[in-house]
Amino acid sequence: MVGDTSVISSSTRGIQQKKLFGCVGFLLNGNVLVGVWKGSLIVRLGPEIYDDVLVAPHVREFDITGKPMMGWVVVEPEGIEDQGQLAGWIDLAMSFVKTLPKK
């Protein structure tokens, strides 16, 4: 399911696909929204809900350098097995990224 990019509507203004962190990433108004990394979903959630989300099943810190990126999580494939789960994570990311200034 993680490869199904149809959940991110191409009709949504400001959505752009770009290579990031060695993976496919999606940006909203120039800010990273989500990405696909090693079969998992990278989600940018921001600091307010970060700690709460980390306790969810199949979720861990996004850490590819030895230092976790605060406000970013990795959702393992088991946490995005259906389109509803995937859409939910994308909605959470959009809620945060929409608060950021456009780049």
Protein backbone atom coordinates (compact mmCIF):
# COMPACT_ATOMS: atom_id res chain seq x y z
CA MET A 1 0.00 0.00 0.00
CA VAL A 2 2.91 2.38 0.65
CA GLY A 3 3.58 2.62 -3.08
CA ASP A 4 0.01 3.77 -3.77
CA THR A 5 0.44 7.47 -4.34
CA SER A 6 -3.16 7.90 -5.52
CA VAL A 7 -4.09 8.82 -1.94
CA ILE A 8 -2.21 12.08 -2.47
CA SER A 9 -4.48 13.80 -4.92
CA SER A 10 -2.81 15.35 -7.90
CA SER A 11 -5.61 17.90 -7.82
CA THR A 12 -4.45 19.21 -4.44
CA ARG A 13 -2.76 22.51 -5.14
CA GLY A 14 0.86 22.78 -4.17
CA ILE A 15 1.61 19.02 -4.16
CA GLN A 16 4.91 18.12 -5.77
CA GLN A 17 6.86 14.85 -6.00
CA LYS A 18 10.62 15.00 -5.40
CA LYS A 19 13.51 12.70 -4.48
CA LEU A 20 14.42 13.22 -0.79
CA PHE A 21 16.52 11.20 1.66
CA GLY A 22 17.15 8.75 -1.18
CA CYS A 23 13.42 8.09 -1.53
CA VAL A 24 10.28 9.41 -3.16
CA GLY A 25 8.93 12.40 -1.27
CA PHE A 26 5.87 14.57 -1.57
CA LEU A 27 5.89 18.26 -0.75
CA LEU A 28 3.06 20.66 -0.07
CA ASN A 29 3.86 24.24 -1.00
CA GLY A 30 7.57 23.39 -0.92
CA ASN A 31 7.52 21.73 2.53
CA VAL A 32 8.04 17.98 2.94
CA LEU A 33 4.80 16.20 3.70
CA VAL A 34 5.43 12.43 3.42
CA GLY A 35 7.85 10.06 1.75
CA VAL A 36 8.40 6.41 0.95
CA TRP A 37 11.62 5.06 2.48
CA LYS A 38 12.67 1.39 2.47
CA GLY A 39 9.06 0.21 2.13
CA SER A 40 7.80 2.40 4.97
CA LEU A 41 6.05 5.76 5.08
CA ILE A 42 7.87 8.81 6.43
CA VAL A 43 5.39 11.25 7.93
CA ARG A 44 6.02 14.85 8.99
CA LEU A 45 3.76 15.55 11.95
CA GLY A 46 5.36 18.40 13.83
CA PRO A 47 6.28 18.58 17.51
CA GLU A 48 2.80 18.90 19.06
CA ILE A 49 1.63 15.33 18.41
CA TYR A 50 5.02 13.67 17.92
CA ASP A 51 5.23 11.97 21.34
CA ASP A 52 1.59 10.83 21.20
CA VAL A 53 2.03 9.29 17.76
CA LEU A 54 5.20 7.41 18.72
CA VAL A 55 3.16 5.06 20.91
CA ALA A 56 0.96 3.99 18.00
CA PRO A 57 1.51 0.47 16.64
CA HIS A 58 4.05 0.16 13.81
CA VAL A 59 5.42 3.68 14.36
CA ARG A 60 8.98 4.66 15.26
CA GLU A 61 11.25 7.70 15.16
CA PHE A 62 12.61 8.73 11.78
CA ASP A 63 16.33 8.32 12.28
CA ILE A 64 18.66 7.73 9.34
CA THR A 65 21.68 9.61 10.70
CA GLY A 66 21.88 8.51 14.33
CA LYS A 67 19.92 11.56 15.46
CA PRO A 68 16.10 11.28 15.30
CA MET A 69 14.29 13.99 13.36
CA MET A 70 11.83 15.45 15.85
CA GLY A 71 8.33 15.75 14.44
CA TRP A 72 8.96 13.03 11.85
CA VAL A 73 8.00 9.35 12.16
CA VAL A 74 8.29 6.16 10.15
CA VAL A 75 5.17 4.06 9.77
CA GLU A 76 6.01 0.44 8.97
CA PRO A 77 4.05 -1.33 6.19
CA GLU A 78 1.78 -3.03 8.77
CA GLY A 79 0.53 0.42 9.81
CA ILE A 80 -0.55 1.36 6.30
CA GLU A 81 -2.05 -1.88 5.02
CA ASP A 82 -5.20 -0.27 3.66
CA GLN A 83 -5.97 2.97 1.91
CA GLY A 84 -7.82 4.35 4.94
CA GLN A 85 -4.76 3.98 7.17
CA LEU A 86 -2.52 5.58 4.56
CA ALA A 87 -4.96 8.44 4.04
CA GLY A 88 -5.12 9.01 7.80
CA TRP A 89 -1.34 9.47 8.05
CA ILE A 90 -1.33 11.78 5.06
CA ASP A 91 -4.15 13.83 6.59
CA LEU A 92 -2.15 14.21 9.83
CA ALA A 93 0.87 15.36 7.85
CA MET A 94 -1.22 17.81 5.81
CA SER A 95 -2.71 19.31 8.97
CA PHE A 96 0.78 20.18 10.20
CA VAL A 97 2.43 21.14 6.91
CA LYS A 98 -0.43 23.50 6.02
CA THR A 99 0.60 25.59 9.05
CA LEU A 100 4.10 26.17 7.62
CA PRO A 101 4.95 29.13 5.39
CA LYS A 102 5.15 28.40 1.68
CA LYS A 103 8.63 28.04 0.23
